[in-house]
Amino acid sequence: SFNARGANNNYIKTTPIPFPTVTGSGAHNVGGHYNNSNYTFTAPIAGRYFFHAHMGIIRINGSNYAGYPYFQINGSNAMYSYVQHPDSSASYATANLTAIFSLAANDTVRVTYGYSNDADYYNGANESGFSGYLLG
């Protein structure tokens, strides 16, 4: 299991989403299968895995702009969340992803970020996180 957090206390559009912090309150990386340099989990064995990603604050800066975090498996998009704002003023929202994936040994999972026009996210330790564990 692992539980990683963001650490860049700024609004950014970086992808993959950086979750470098695996120490501190609640953060862990049992077995070391989460790489906090490239923000990627590598399945040590085949099985079903539970994953959750939390984007605490996505800032949508204009009319019909959108932000959408994705789970990627082996570099291909597998699931996403979508946040859109209909008017011209800035708005703030949360986006969460929760999924169970059947993975082969050495499959990789990471969280990426897509956006239309001007939508960014806040990458603080309390606002963003990525976690997962083997179900069996």
Protein backbone atom coordinates (compact mmCIF):
# COMPACT_ATOMS: atom_id res chain seq x y z
CA SER A 1 0.00 0.00 0.00
CA PHE A 2 1.02 3.60 -0.44
CA ASN A 3 -0.32 7.05 0.40
CA ALA A 4 1.43 10.02 -1.21
CA ARG A 5 0.73 13.74 -1.03
CA GLY A 6 1.41 16.83 -3.10
CA ALA A 7 4.11 19.23 -1.96
CA ASN A 8 4.09 22.18 -4.36
CA ASN A 9 2.01 24.77 -2.52
CA ASN A 10 1.06 26.60 -5.71
CA TYR A 11 -1.47 26.44 -8.51
CA ILE A 12 0.08 24.39 -11.32
CA LYS A 13 -0.84 22.40 -14.45
CA THR A 14 1.98 19.85 -14.22
CA THR A 15 1.32 16.32 -15.48
CA PRO A 16 1.75 13.69 -14.24
CA ILE A 17 0.46 15.18 -11.04
CA PRO A 18 3.37 15.36 -8.57
CA PHE A 19 2.82 13.42 -5.36
CA PRO A 20 6.37 13.40 -3.93
CA THR A 21 5.62 13.28 -0.20
CA VAL A 22 5.46 9.76 1.25
CA THR A 23 6.41 10.67 4.80
CA GLY A 24 4.50 12.54 7.45
CA SER A 25 0.94 12.30 8.69
CA GLY A 26 -0.70 9.24 7.12
CA ALA A 27 1.74 9.00 4.21
CA HIS A 28 3.50 5.67 3.64
CA ASN A 29 4.96 3.41 0.95
CA VAL A 30 4.91 -0.22 2.12
CA GLY A 31 7.17 -2.29 -0.11
CA GLY A 32 8.48 0.77 -1.97
CA HIS A 33 6.36 0.15 -5.09
CA TYR A 34 5.35 3.80 -5.40
CA ASN A 35 8.08 5.93 -7.01
CA ASN A 36 7.98 9.43 -5.55
CA SER A 37 10.32 10.76 -8.27
CA ASN A 38 8.11 9.92 -11.28
CA TYR A 39 4.85 9.65 -9.25
CA THR A 40 4.11 6.13 -10.51
CA PHE A 41 2.98 2.96 -8.73
CA THR A 42 4.28 -0.34 -10.17
CA ALA A 43 2.29 -3.46 -9.28
CA PRO A 44 4.61 -6.00 -7.63
CA ILE A 45 2.27 -8.93 -8.38
CA ALA A 46 -0.82 -9.58 -10.48
CA GLY A 47 -4.09 -8.84 -8.69
CA ARG A 48 -6.90 -6.40 -8.08
CA TYR A 49 -5.84 -3.03 -6.71
CA PHE A 50 -7.84 -0.20 -5.17
CA PHE A 51 -6.76 3.37 -6.01
CA HIS A 52 -7.93 6.80 -4.93
CA ALA A 53 -6.78 10.26 -6.02
CA HIS A 54 -7.95 13.51 -4.47
CA MET A 55 -7.57 16.92 -6.08
CA GLY A 56 -8.71 19.24 -3.35
CA ILE A 57 -8.80 22.49 -5.25
CA ILE A 58 -9.11 22.87 -9.01
CA ARG A 59 -9.31 26.50 -10.11
CA ILE A 60 -11.38 27.07 -13.24
CA ASN A 61 -10.51 30.54 -14.55
CA GLY A 62 -13.13 31.22 -17.21
CA SER A 63 -16.33 30.31 -18.98
CA ASN A 64 -16.61 26.67 -20.06
CA TYR A 65 -13.05 25.89 -18.99
CA ALA A 66 -12.47 22.48 -17.45
CA GLY A 67 -9.98 20.40 -15.48
CA TYR A 68 -9.86 16.62 -15.44
CA PRO A 69 -7.48 14.32 -13.60
CA TYR A 70 -6.99 10.83 -15.09
CA PHE A 71 -5.83 7.47 -13.85
CA GLN A 72 -3.41 6.06 -16.41
CA ILE A 73 -2.45 2.39 -16.63
CA ASN A 74 0.78 1.77 -18.53
CA GLY A 75 0.52 5.26 -20.03
CA SER A 76 -3.06 4.87 -21.34
CA ASN A 77 -6.01 6.76 -19.87
CA ALA A 78 -8.25 4.45 -17.85
CA MET A 79 -10.64 6.76 -15.94
CA TYR A 80 -11.11 10.47 -15.33
CA SER A 81 -13.02 13.02 -13.30
CA TYR A 82 -14.33 16.23 -14.85
CA VAL A 83 -14.80 19.70 -13.36
CA GLN A 84 -16.27 22.54 -15.44
CA HIS A 85 -17.45 26.06 -14.65
CA PRO A 86 -20.18 27.66 -16.81
CA ASP A 87 -19.56 31.38 -16.27
CA SER A 88 -16.65 33.77 -16.63
CA SER A 89 -15.63 34.18 -12.99
CA ALA A 90 -13.04 31.93 -11.34
CA SER A 91 -14.42 28.97 -9.42
CA TYR A 92 -12.96 26.25 -7.24
CA ALA A 93 -13.94 22.59 -6.97
CA THR A 94 -12.80 19.15 -5.93
CA ALA A 95 -12.21 16.15 -8.16
CA ASN A 96 -11.88 12.61 -6.87
CA LEU A 97 -11.08 9.34 -8.60
CA THR A 98 -11.73 5.94 -7.04
CA ALA A 99 -11.31 2.67 -8.94
CA ILE A 100 -10.45 -0.99 -8.72
CA PHE A 101 -8.14 -2.18 -11.51
CA SER A 102 -7.00 -5.69 -12.39
CA LEU A 103 -3.27 -5.35 -12.95
CA ALA A 104 -0.54 -7.69 -14.13
CA ALA A 105 2.83 -7.70 -12.39
CA ASN A 106 4.84 -4.61 -13.44
CA ASP A 107 1.79 -2.66 -14.70
CA THR A 108 2.04 1.01 -13.76
CA VAL A 109 -0.57 3.47 -12.48
CA ARG A 110 -0.23 7.24 -12.21
CA VAL A 111 -2.46 10.32 -12.12
CA THR A 112 -2.25 12.84 -14.95
CA TYR A 113 -3.99 16.15 -15.51
CA GLY A 114 -5.80 17.50 -18.55
CA TYR A 115 -7.47 20.87 -18.94
CA SER A 116 -9.15 23.09 -21.46
CA ASN A 117 -8.04 26.70 -21.68
CA ASP A 118 -7.14 27.85 -18.17
CA ALA A 119 -7.76 25.40 -15.34
CA ASP A 120 -5.10 24.55 -12.77
CA TYR A 121 -4.91 22.76 -9.43
CA TYR A 122 -3.41 23.43 -6.03
CA ASN A 123 -0.77 20.83 -5.17
CA GLY A 124 -0.40 21.20 -1.41
CA ALA A 125 -0.06 18.25 0.96
CA ASN A 126 -3.55 18.85 2.37
CA GLU A 127 -5.18 19.41 -1.02
CA SER A 128 -3.91 16.54 -3.18
CA GLY A 129 -3.21 12.88 -2.62
CA PHE A 130 -2.81 9.52 -4.36
CA SER A 131 -3.16 6.17 -2.61
CA GLY A 132 -3.57 2.53 -3.44
CA TYR A 133 -3.41 -0.99 -2.08
CA LEU A 134 -3.64 -4.63 -3.13
CA LEU A 135 -7.06 -6.19 -2.61
CA GLY A 136 -5.99 -9.68 -3.62
